[in-house]
N, C-alpha and C. Protein backbone atom coordinates (compact mmCIF):
# COMPACT_ATOMS: atom_id res chain seq x y z
N UNK A 1 -9.01 10.91 29.29
CA UNK A 1 -9.28 9.54 29.22
C UNK A 1 -7.32 9.51 29.42
N UNK A 2 -7.01 8.41 30.10
CA UNK A 2 -5.80 8.11 30.47
C UNK A 2 -5.21 6.52 30.03
N UNK A 3 -4.07 6.52 30.09
CA UNK A 3 -3.22 4.93 29.51
C UNK A 3 -3.31 4.09 30.59
N UNK A 4 -3.42 3.49 30.11
CA UNK A 4 -2.64 2.71 31.31
C UNK A 4 -1.56 2.67 31.59
N UNK A 5 -0.82 2.27 31.96
CA UNK A 5 1.14 2.40 32.49
C UNK A 5 1.34 1.07 31.44
N UNK A 6 1.27 0.43 31.89
CA UNK A 6 1.07 -0.55 30.92
C UNK A 6 2.09 -0.72 29.36
N UNK A 7 1.02 0.31 28.73
CA UNK A 7 0.48 0.70 27.71
C UNK A 7 1.82 1.22 27.04
N UNK A 8 3.18 1.38 27.10
CA UNK A 8 4.29 1.95 26.64
C UNK A 8 4.91 1.83 25.75
N UNK A 9 5.50 2.43 24.56
CA UNK A 9 6.02 1.78 23.52
C UNK A 9 6.76 0.05 23.48
N UNK A 10 7.19 0.00 24.71
CA UNK A 10 8.40 -1.03 24.45
C UNK A 10 7.33 -2.14 24.80
N UNK A 11 5.96 -1.48 25.41
CA UNK A 11 5.49 -3.31 24.97
C UNK A 11 3.97 -3.36 23.80
N UNK A 12 4.01 -2.17 23.32
CA UNK A 12 3.76 -2.10 22.17
C UNK A 12 4.44 -2.27 21.12
N UNK A 13 5.46 -2.23 20.83
CA UNK A 13 6.35 -3.22 20.19
C UNK A 13 6.44 -4.90 20.58
N UNK A 14 6.51 -5.36 21.79
CA UNK A 14 7.21 -6.96 22.06
C UNK A 14 5.64 -7.75 21.76
N UNK A 15 4.68 -6.52 21.71
CA UNK A 15 3.27 -6.87 21.43
C UNK A 15 3.07 -7.15 19.73
N UNK A 16 3.77 -6.57 19.30
CA UNK A 16 3.57 -6.60 18.14
C UNK A 16 4.62 -7.66 18.03
N UNK A 17 6.25 -7.88 18.27
CA UNK A 17 7.06 -8.89 17.87
C UNK A 17 6.28 -10.55 18.77
N UNK A 18 5.61 -10.79 19.27
CA UNK A 18 4.78 -11.71 19.36
C UNK A 18 3.80 -11.85 18.89
N UNK A 19 3.24 -10.81 18.49
CA UNK A 19 1.79 -11.55 17.36
C UNK A 19 2.17 -12.01 15.93
N UNK A 20 3.53 -10.97 15.45
CA UNK A 20 4.29 -11.25 14.62
C UNK A 20 5.15 -12.92 14.35
N UNK A 21 5.53 -13.29 15.56
CA UNK A 21 5.78 -14.79 15.26
C UNK A 21 4.30 -15.47 15.67
N UNK A 22 4.17 -15.96 16.29
CA UNK A 22 2.86 -16.83 16.20
C UNK A 22 2.11 -16.68 14.75
N UNK A 23 1.76 -15.17 14.23
CA UNK A 23 1.05 -15.16 13.07
C UNK A 23 2.22 -16.29 11.79
N UNK A 24 3.04 -15.74 12.10
CA UNK A 24 3.64 -16.55 10.94
C UNK A 24 4.31 -17.92 11.00
N UNK A 25 4.02 -18.58 12.36
CA UNK A 25 3.93 -19.55 12.54
C UNK A 25 2.99 -20.49 12.03
N UNK A 26 1.83 -19.70 13.00
CA UNK A 26 0.39 -20.68 13.06
C UNK A 26 -1.05 -20.26 12.54
N UNK A 27 -1.19 -19.27 11.46
CA UNK A 27 -1.52 -19.03 10.36
C UNK A 27 -1.64 -19.48 9.08
N UNK A 28 -2.03 -20.56 8.95
CA UNK A 28 -1.44 -21.24 7.13
C UNK A 28 -1.80 -20.46 6.52
N UNK A 29 -2.84 -19.04 6.28
CA UNK A 29 -3.17 -18.54 4.76
C UNK A 29 -1.63 -17.49 5.12
N UNK A 30 -0.95 -17.38 6.15
CA UNK A 30 -0.18 -16.01 6.24
C UNK A 30 0.93 -16.87 6.32
N UNK A 31 1.47 -18.10 6.81
CA UNK A 31 2.44 -18.94 6.66
C UNK A 31 3.10 -19.90 5.34
N UNK A 32 2.18 -19.73 5.02
CA UNK A 32 2.13 -20.34 3.63
C UNK A 32 2.05 -19.36 2.16
N UNK A 33 1.44 -18.78 2.61
CA UNK A 33 1.02 -17.49 1.24
C UNK A 33 2.41 -16.75 1.11
N UNK A 34 2.91 -15.93 2.19
CA UNK A 34 3.62 -14.61 2.57
C UNK A 34 5.33 -15.37 1.71
N UNK A 35 5.65 -16.59 1.96
CA UNK A 35 6.86 -16.87 1.25
C UNK A 35 6.92 -17.67 0.44
N UNK A 36 5.52 -17.90 -0.78
CA UNK A 36 5.18 -18.29 -1.74
C UNK A 36 5.35 -16.84 -2.86
N UNK A 37 4.88 -15.80 -1.98
CA UNK A 37 4.72 -14.58 -3.06
C UNK A 37 6.04 -13.81 -2.98
N UNK A 38 7.17 -13.98 -1.85
CA UNK A 38 8.41 -13.15 -1.64
C UNK A 38 9.21 -14.50 -2.34
N UNK A 39 8.90 -15.26 -2.93
CA UNK A 39 9.38 -16.40 -3.76
C UNK A 39 9.86 -15.57 -4.91
N UNK A 40 8.00 -15.63 -5.91
CA UNK A 40 8.01 -15.11 -6.87
C UNK A 40 8.36 -13.53 -7.02
N UNK A 41 8.41 -12.37 -6.28
CA UNK A 41 8.85 -11.72 -6.26
C UNK A 41 10.75 -11.63 -6.71
N UNK A 42 11.31 -12.43 -5.51
CA UNK A 42 12.49 -12.54 -6.34
C UNK A 42 13.21 -13.17 -7.68
N UNK A 43 12.09 -14.63 -8.49
CA UNK A 43 11.89 -14.95 -9.11
C UNK A 43 11.85 -13.63 -10.45
N UNK A 44 10.88 -12.74 -10.33
CA UNK A 44 10.09 -11.66 -11.26
C UNK A 44 11.83 -10.98 -11.28
N UNK A 45 12.46 -10.56 -10.17
CA UNK A 45 13.71 -9.91 -10.86
C UNK A 45 14.08 -9.53 -12.53
N UNK A 46 14.49 -11.26 -12.22
CA UNK A 46 15.13 -11.36 -13.93
C UNK A 46 14.38 -10.69 -14.70
N UNK A 47 13.47 -10.92 -14.91
CA UNK A 47 12.34 -11.16 -16.28
C UNK A 47 12.18 -9.47 -17.02
N UNK A 48 12.93 -8.31 -15.44
CA UNK A 48 12.55 -7.00 -15.80
C UNK A 48 13.50 -6.62 -17.53
N UNK A 49 13.22 -6.29 -18.20
CA UNK A 49 14.31 -5.44 -19.04
C UNK A 49 15.28 -4.43 -18.53
N UNK A 50 16.72 -5.03 -19.22
CA UNK A 50 17.81 -3.84 -18.33
C UNK A 50 17.12 -2.80 -19.35
N UNK A 51 16.76 -2.11 -20.10
CA UNK A 51 16.26 -0.53 -21.14
C UNK A 51 15.29 -0.03 -20.23
N UNK A 52 14.79 -0.99 -19.23
CA UNK A 52 13.15 -0.22 -19.30
C UNK A 52 13.82 -0.70 -16.70
N UNK A 53 13.91 0.34 -16.95
CA UNK A 53 14.85 0.28 -15.37
C UNK A 53 13.64 0.55 -14.11
N UNK A 54 13.07 1.60 -15.11
CA UNK A 54 11.44 1.89 -14.18
C UNK A 54 10.55 0.66 -13.37
N UNK A 55 10.85 -0.18 -14.44
CA UNK A 55 10.36 -1.76 -14.29
C UNK A 55 10.68 -2.07 -12.91
N UNK A 56 11.97 -1.88 -13.04
CA UNK A 56 12.86 -2.97 -11.76
C UNK A 56 12.45 -1.98 -10.12
N UNK A 57 12.68 -0.57 -10.95
CA UNK A 57 12.22 -0.24 -9.50
C UNK A 57 11.15 -0.17 -8.87
N UNK A 58 10.19 -0.50 -9.63
CA UNK A 58 8.58 -0.67 -9.68
C UNK A 58 8.34 -1.66 -9.10
N UNK A 59 9.19 -2.83 -9.18
CA UNK A 59 8.57 -4.50 -8.42
C UNK A 59 9.32 -4.03 -7.34
N UNK A 60 10.85 -3.27 -7.12
CA UNK A 60 11.34 -3.05 -5.50
C UNK A 60 10.66 -2.81 -4.84
N UNK A 61 10.12 -1.72 -5.41
CA UNK A 61 9.11 -0.84 -3.97
C UNK A 61 7.87 -2.01 -4.19
N UNK A 62 7.13 -1.86 -4.77
CA UNK A 62 6.07 -3.74 -4.83
C UNK A 62 6.59 -4.75 -4.49
N UNK A 63 7.64 -5.05 -4.02
CA UNK A 63 8.59 -5.70 -2.66
C UNK A 63 8.30 -5.15 -1.26
N UNK A 64 9.09 -4.38 -1.30
CA UNK A 64 9.01 -3.75 0.00
C UNK A 64 7.32 -3.40 0.98
N UNK A 65 6.79 -2.97 -0.53
CA UNK A 65 4.93 -2.91 0.47
C UNK A 65 5.18 -4.35 0.85
N UNK A 66 4.84 -5.67 -0.09
CA UNK A 66 4.65 -6.83 0.27
C UNK A 66 4.82 -6.80 1.72
N UNK A 67 6.25 -7.19 1.51
CA UNK A 67 6.39 -7.54 2.94
C UNK A 67 6.23 -6.07 4.39
N UNK A 68 6.51 -4.93 3.77
CA UNK A 68 5.77 -3.82 5.47
C UNK A 68 4.48 -5.43 5.33
N UNK A 69 3.63 -4.93 4.48
CA UNK A 69 1.71 -5.16 4.71
C UNK A 69 1.86 -6.91 5.30
N UNK A 70 2.59 -7.06 5.24
CA UNK A 70 2.63 -8.63 5.82
C UNK A 70 3.44 -8.80 6.89
N UNK A 71 4.47 -7.35 7.48
CA UNK A 71 4.86 -7.38 8.87
C UNK A 71 3.75 -7.41 9.84
N UNK A 72 3.35 -5.79 8.78
CA UNK A 72 1.67 -5.04 9.42
C UNK A 72 0.41 -6.07 9.64
N UNK A 73 0.96 -7.03 8.84
CA UNK A 73 -0.97 -7.71 9.16
C UNK A 73 0.05 -9.32 10.21
N UNK A 74 1.14 -9.34 9.41
CA UNK A 74 1.13 -10.17 10.92
C UNK A 74 1.25 -9.48 12.47
N UNK A 75 1.81 -8.09 12.73
CA UNK A 75 1.60 -8.24 13.99
C UNK A 75 0.20 -7.16 14.52
N UNK A 76 -1.08 -7.73 13.72
CA UNK A 76 -2.38 -7.74 14.21
C UNK A 76 -2.49 -6.51 13.60
N UNK A 77 -2.55 -5.70 12.72
CA UNK A 77 -2.33 -4.14 12.56
C UNK A 77 -2.92 -4.11 10.60
N UNK A 78 -3.75 -5.31 10.59
CA UNK A 78 -4.12 -4.95 9.14
C UNK A 78 -5.09 -4.16 8.58
N UNK A 79 -5.53 -3.02 9.47
CA UNK A 79 -5.39 -2.12 8.75
C UNK A 79 -4.98 -0.65 8.26
N UNK A 80 -3.38 -0.78 8.77
CA UNK A 80 -2.40 -0.59 8.67
C UNK A 80 -2.39 -0.74 7.61
N UNK A 81 -1.81 -2.14 7.35
CA UNK A 81 -1.36 -2.76 6.22
C UNK A 81 -2.16 -2.37 4.49
N UNK A 82 -3.47 -1.55 4.72
CA UNK A 82 -4.60 -0.47 3.48
C UNK A 82 -3.28 0.25 2.38
N UNK A 83 -3.06 1.56 3.57
CA UNK A 83 -2.19 2.32 2.41
C UNK A 83 -1.25 1.41 1.79
N UNK A 84 0.33 0.96 2.32
CA UNK A 84 0.83 0.44 1.62
C UNK A 84 0.61 -0.61 0.72
N UNK A 85 -0.55 -1.29 0.51
CA UNK A 85 -1.10 -2.23 -0.18
C UNK A 85 -1.55 -1.10 -1.48
N UNK A 86 -1.42 0.09 -1.17
CA UNK A 86 -2.87 0.93 -2.04
C UNK A 86 -1.76 1.24 -3.13
N UNK A 87 -0.74 1.72 -2.27
CA UNK A 87 0.55 1.86 -2.90
C UNK A 87 0.90 1.26 -3.92
N UNK A 88 1.41 0.14 -3.54
CA UNK A 88 1.25 -1.33 -4.39
C UNK A 88 1.00 -0.78 -5.33
N UNK A 89 -0.45 -0.69 -5.27
CA UNK A 89 -2.36 -1.06 -6.76
C UNK A 89 -1.15 -0.18 -7.32
N UNK A 90 -1.08 0.69 -6.97
CA UNK A 90 -0.70 1.84 -8.00
C UNK A 90 0.30 1.85 -8.78
N UNK A 91 1.42 1.39 -7.92
CA UNK A 91 2.80 1.28 -8.69
C UNK A 91 2.85 0.16 -9.83
N UNK A 92 2.49 -0.84 -9.23
CA UNK A 92 1.26 -2.06 -10.59
C UNK A 92 1.27 -1.60 -11.63
N UNK A 93 0.05 -0.26 -11.43
CA UNK A 93 -0.92 -0.44 -12.48
C UNK A 93 0.04 0.81 -13.12
N UNK A 94 0.36 1.68 -12.50
CA UNK A 94 1.19 2.72 -13.78
C UNK A 94 2.82 1.94 -14.37
N UNK A 95 3.03 1.21 -13.78
CA UNK A 95 3.90 0.33 -14.39
C UNK A 95 2.95 -0.67 -15.81
N UNK A 96 2.11 -1.04 -15.62
CA UNK A 96 0.97 -1.84 -17.24
C UNK A 96 0.90 -0.52 -17.47
N UNK A 97 1.18 0.61 -17.11
CA UNK A 97 0.30 1.83 -18.11
C UNK A 97 1.85 2.09 -19.09
N UNK A 98 3.52 2.14 -18.84
CA UNK A 98 3.88 2.39 -18.94
C UNK A 98 4.94 1.34 -19.87
N UNK A 99 4.36 -0.49 -19.91
CA UNK A 99 4.54 -1.35 -20.74
C UNK A 99 3.43 -0.92 -21.06
N UNK A 100 2.66 -0.83 -21.57
CA UNK A 100 1.83 0.22 -22.85
C UNK A 100 2.54 1.43 -23.29
N UNK A 101 2.08 2.49 -22.71
CA UNK A 101 3.32 2.78 -23.60
C UNK A 101 4.28 4.10 -23.32
N UNK A 102 5.27 3.85 -23.52
CA UNK A 102 6.22 4.21 -22.64
C UNK A 102 6.35 5.90 -22.09
N UNK A 103 6.01 6.47 -22.75
CA UNK A 103 4.94 8.19 -23.12
C UNK A 103 5.05 8.49 -20.61
N UNK A 104 4.01 7.30 -21.16
CA UNK A 104 2.86 7.00 -19.35
C UNK A 104 4.07 7.77 -18.72
N UNK A 105 5.53 6.89 -18.18
CA UNK A 105 6.83 7.66 -17.40
C UNK A 105 6.77 9.50 -17.12
N UNK A 106 6.70 9.78 -18.78
CA UNK A 106 6.84 10.72 -18.52
C UNK A 106 5.72 11.64 -18.09
N UNK A 107 4.15 11.30 -18.43
CA UNK A 107 3.35 12.17 -18.57
C UNK A 107 3.09 11.27 -16.41
N UNK A 108 3.66 10.34 -16.22
CA UNK A 108 3.16 10.43 -14.41
C UNK A 108 4.19 11.16 -13.73
N UNK A 109 6.11 11.36 -13.77
CA UNK A 109 6.63 12.33 -13.23
C UNK A 109 6.47 13.53 -13.51
N UNK A 110 5.57 14.01 -14.41
CA UNK A 110 5.15 15.73 -14.29
C UNK A 110 5.00 16.51 -13.37
N UNK A 111 6.23 16.84 -12.61
CA UNK A 111 6.81 17.44 -11.47
C UNK A 111 6.28 18.30 -11.50
N UNK A 112 5.70 19.02 -12.90
CA UNK A 112 5.03 20.27 -13.34
C UNK A 112 3.87 20.25 -12.79
N UNK A 113 2.73 20.03 -12.75
CA UNK A 113 1.69 19.23 -11.86
C UNK A 113 1.12 19.17 -11.01
N UNK A 114 1.96 18.22 -10.59
CA UNK A 114 2.13 18.40 -8.75
C UNK A 114 2.67 19.22 -8.24
N UNK A 115 3.61 20.34 -8.55
CA UNK A 115 4.51 21.15 -7.81
C UNK A 115 2.95 21.99 -7.95
N UNK A 116 2.45 22.59 -9.45
CA UNK A 116 0.90 23.33 -9.43
C UNK A 116 -0.24 22.79 -8.16
N UNK A 117 -0.06 21.58 -7.59
CA UNK A 117 -1.31 20.78 -6.82
C UNK A 117 -1.20 21.38 -5.65
N UNK A 118 -0.07 20.73 -5.28
CA UNK A 118 0.30 21.39 -3.95
C UNK A 118 0.00 23.24 -3.98
N UNK A 119 0.75 23.49 -4.50
CA UNK A 119 0.71 25.58 -4.19
C UNK A 119 -0.10 26.20 -4.33
N UNK A 120 -1.53 24.68 -4.36
CA UNK A 120 -3.02 25.59 -4.93
C UNK A 120 -3.89 25.00 -3.49
N UNK A 121 -3.06 24.35 -2.90
CA UNK A 121 -3.34 23.53 -2.09
C UNK A 121 -2.88 24.66 -0.55
N UNK A 122 -1.34 24.75 -0.97
CA UNK A 122 -1.51 26.37 0.48
C UNK A 122 -1.56 27.25 0.24
N UNK A 123 -2.54 26.66 -0.97
CA UNK A 123 -3.05 29.39 -1.50
C UNK A 123 -4.98 28.32 -0.49
N UNK A 124 -4.72 26.90 -0.15
CA UNK A 124 -6.23 27.09 0.29
C UNK A 124 -7.27 27.14 -1.19
N UNK A 125 -6.67 27.14 -2.54
CA UNK A 125 -7.45 26.52 -4.01
C UNK A 125 -8.04 25.16 -4.03
N UNK A 126 -9.34 24.89 -4.79
CA UNK A 126 -9.02 24.05 -4.91
C UNK A 126 -8.21 23.15 -5.74
N UNK A 127 -7.55 22.23 -5.62
CA UNK A 127 -6.61 21.73 -6.52
C UNK A 127 -6.76 21.30 -7.78
N UNK A 128 -6.12 20.91 -8.66
CA UNK A 128 -5.63 20.34 -10.39
C UNK A 128 -5.23 18.88 -9.05
N UNK A 129 -6.81 18.42 -10.38
CA UNK A 129 -5.22 16.49 -10.03
C UNK A 129 -3.82 15.47 -11.05
N UNK A 130 -3.15 15.33 -9.81
CA UNK A 130 -2.25 15.10 -10.57
C UNK A 130 -2.47 13.77 -11.29
N UNK A 131 -2.08 13.28 -12.31
CA UNK A 131 -1.82 11.69 -12.35
C UNK A 131 -2.81 11.11 -13.10
N UNK A 132 -4.14 12.42 -13.48
CA UNK A 132 -4.26 11.66 -14.41
C UNK A 132 -4.40 12.21 -16.39
N UNK A 133 -2.76 12.48 -16.12
CA UNK A 133 -2.56 12.50 -18.16
C UNK A 133 -1.98 11.29 -18.16
N UNK A 134 -2.00 9.45 -17.38
CA UNK A 134 -1.44 8.94 -17.37
C UNK A 134 -2.31 7.80 -18.15
N UNK A 135 -2.10 7.14 -19.21
CA UNK A 135 -3.42 6.58 -20.16
C UNK A 135 -3.11 4.99 -19.65
N UNK A 136 -4.39 4.54 -19.02
CA UNK A 136 -4.38 3.46 -18.31
C UNK A 136 -4.77 2.30 -19.63
N UNK A 137 -4.09 1.29 -19.65
CA UNK A 137 -4.84 0.34 -19.96
C UNK A 137 -6.23 -0.31 -20.93
N UNK A 138 -7.20 -0.71 -21.30
CA UNK A 138 -8.43 -0.91 -20.85
C UNK A 138 -8.25 -2.43 -20.89
N UNK A 139 -8.61 -3.09 -19.54
CA UNK A 139 -8.26 -4.00 -18.83
C UNK A 139 -9.29 -4.28 -18.05
N UNK A 140 -9.59 -5.76 -17.84
CA UNK A 140 -10.78 -6.27 -16.99
C UNK A 140 -9.83 -6.49 -15.96
N UNK A 141 -8.85 -6.82 -15.96
CA UNK A 141 -7.54 -7.12 -14.69
C UNK A 141 -7.69 -5.66 -14.05
N UNK A 142 -6.69 -4.47 -14.41
CA UNK A 142 -6.36 -3.41 -14.43
C UNK A 142 -7.74 -2.47 -13.39
N UNK A 143 -8.88 -3.07 -14.58
CA UNK A 143 -9.68 -2.22 -14.03
C UNK A 143 -9.86 -2.46 -12.54
N UNK A 144 -10.45 -3.79 -12.26
CA UNK A 144 -10.59 -4.68 -11.23
C UNK A 144 -9.57 -4.37 -10.19
N UNK A 145 -7.76 -4.09 -9.52
CA UNK A 145 -7.03 -3.55 -8.88
C UNK A 145 -7.27 -2.61 -8.55
N UNK A 146 -7.99 -1.87 -9.48
CA UNK A 146 -7.55 -0.31 -9.21
C UNK A 146 -8.89 0.33 -8.70
N UNK A 147 -10.33 -0.99 -8.65
CA UNK A 147 -11.55 -0.57 -7.75
C UNK A 147 -11.23 -1.07 -6.29
N UNK A 148 -10.49 -2.07 -6.12
CA UNK A 148 -9.68 -3.06 -5.04
C UNK A 148 -9.20 -1.62 -3.99
N UNK A 149 -8.03 -1.11 -4.82
CA UNK A 149 -7.03 0.54 -3.96
C UNK A 149 -8.76 1.51 -3.78
N UNK A 150 -9.66 1.66 -4.08
CA UNK A 150 -10.07 2.79 -4.58
C UNK A 150 -11.18 1.83 -2.58
N UNK A 151 -11.41 0.92 -2.83
CA UNK A 151 -12.01 0.52 -2.01
C UNK A 151 -11.47 0.64 -0.29
N UNK A 152 -10.01 0.45 -0.50
CA UNK A 152 -8.51 0.28 0.45
C UNK A 152 -9.01 1.40 1.17
N UNK A 153 -9.70 2.05 0.05
CA UNK A 153 -8.38 3.95 0.75
C UNK A 153 -9.89 4.02 1.57
N UNK A 154 -11.22 4.08 0.96
CA UNK A 154 -12.33 3.95 1.93
C UNK A 154 -12.49 3.50 2.77
N UNK A 155 -12.31 2.06 3.63
CA UNK A 155 -12.09 1.61 4.02
C UNK A 155 -10.87 1.87 5.13
N UNK A 156 -9.82 2.18 5.12
CA UNK A 156 -8.70 1.71 5.91
C UNK A 156 -8.43 3.11 5.56
N UNK A 157 -7.60 3.95 4.89
CA UNK A 157 -6.94 4.76 4.64
C UNK A 157 -7.51 6.44 5.65
N UNK A 158 -8.79 6.28 5.17
CA UNK A 158 -9.81 7.70 4.72
C UNK A 158 -10.20 7.13 6.68
N UNK A 159 -10.23 8.23 7.37
CA UNK A 159 -11.06 8.46 8.57
C UNK A 159 -12.64 8.45 7.66
N UNK A 160 -13.04 7.21 7.60
CA UNK A 160 -14.70 7.28 7.51
C UNK A 160 -14.79 6.30 8.65
N UNK A 161 -16.85 5.91 8.67
CA UNK A 161 -17.56 4.71 9.24
C UNK A 161 -17.02 3.76 8.92
N UNK A 162 -16.98 3.20 8.04
CA UNK A 162 -16.15 2.35 7.85
C UNK A 162 -14.71 1.46 8.90
N UNK A 163 -14.60 2.77 8.52
CA UNK A 163 -12.42 2.39 9.12
C UNK A 163 -12.66 2.37 11.20
N UNK A 164 -13.99 3.31 11.06
CA UNK A 164 -14.12 3.89 12.40
C UNK A 164 -14.93 2.08 13.51
N UNK A 165 -16.00 1.91 12.56
CA UNK A 165 -16.65 1.32 12.97
C UNK A 165 -15.87 -0.53 12.94
N UNK A 166 -14.54 -0.71 11.79
CA UNK A 166 -13.49 -2.30 12.29
C UNK A 166 -12.49 -1.83 13.34
N UNK A 167 -12.88 -0.71 13.91
CA UNK A 167 -11.97 -0.85 14.71
C UNK A 167 -12.11 -1.85 15.72
N UNK A 168 -11.43 -2.22 17.16
CA UNK A 168 -11.44 -3.37 17.99
C UNK A 168 -11.93 -2.32 19.37
N UNK A 169 -13.49 -2.03 19.61
CA UNK A 169 -13.07 -0.99 21.22
C UNK A 169 -12.97 -1.78 21.77
N UNK A 170 -12.86 -1.66 23.41
CA UNK A 170 -12.88 -2.49 23.91
C UNK A 170 -12.88 -1.48 25.30
N UNK A 171 -14.18 -1.86 26.37
CA UNK A 171 -14.34 -0.81 27.30
C UNK A 171 -13.78 -1.39 29.01
N UNK A 172 -13.23 -0.76 29.16
CA UNK A 172 -12.68 -0.99 31.00
C UNK A 172 -13.39 -0.28 32.29
N UNK A 173 -14.20 -0.43 33.41
CA UNK A 173 -13.96 0.01 33.70
C UNK A 173 -12.80 0.31 35.40
N UNK A 174 -12.79 0.87 36.06
CA UNK A 174 -11.85 1.26 36.52
C UNK A 174 -12.27 1.16 37.89
């Protein structure tokens, strides 16, 4: 299998830029929703308690994730926006857990447990999971958000039949 000559990196970038330009201008949900969410992030930063810098950092990471996902979707690569969105969901979930119990910040930062997990992987052993120490609040909205994050992983992050089936295949004869 060979790729046609016109499938260069330059043509890929040009195509993405053209898609983003059209999407941001002509797709009403994108053109209306993205600027509103961006404005919400800018207004939210003033609400971050000065005594809790982690919340501001988490908010900035979520905002960056939103911007990156929006540009990726606008470039017509919605499946590639899923891992970014999932990470933002995790950041928001951890922030809520920390708000409910500040000890969760140290639980989340547990470098020793993460290192042990990575070392076990390198030895070919079943690794212990890290992150389980964080105690998330019993909140229906948070549970729904976490479920959505897991669905993103199943459908778009991992190489599953759902991900494979969602690709746009085109067969050309030469």
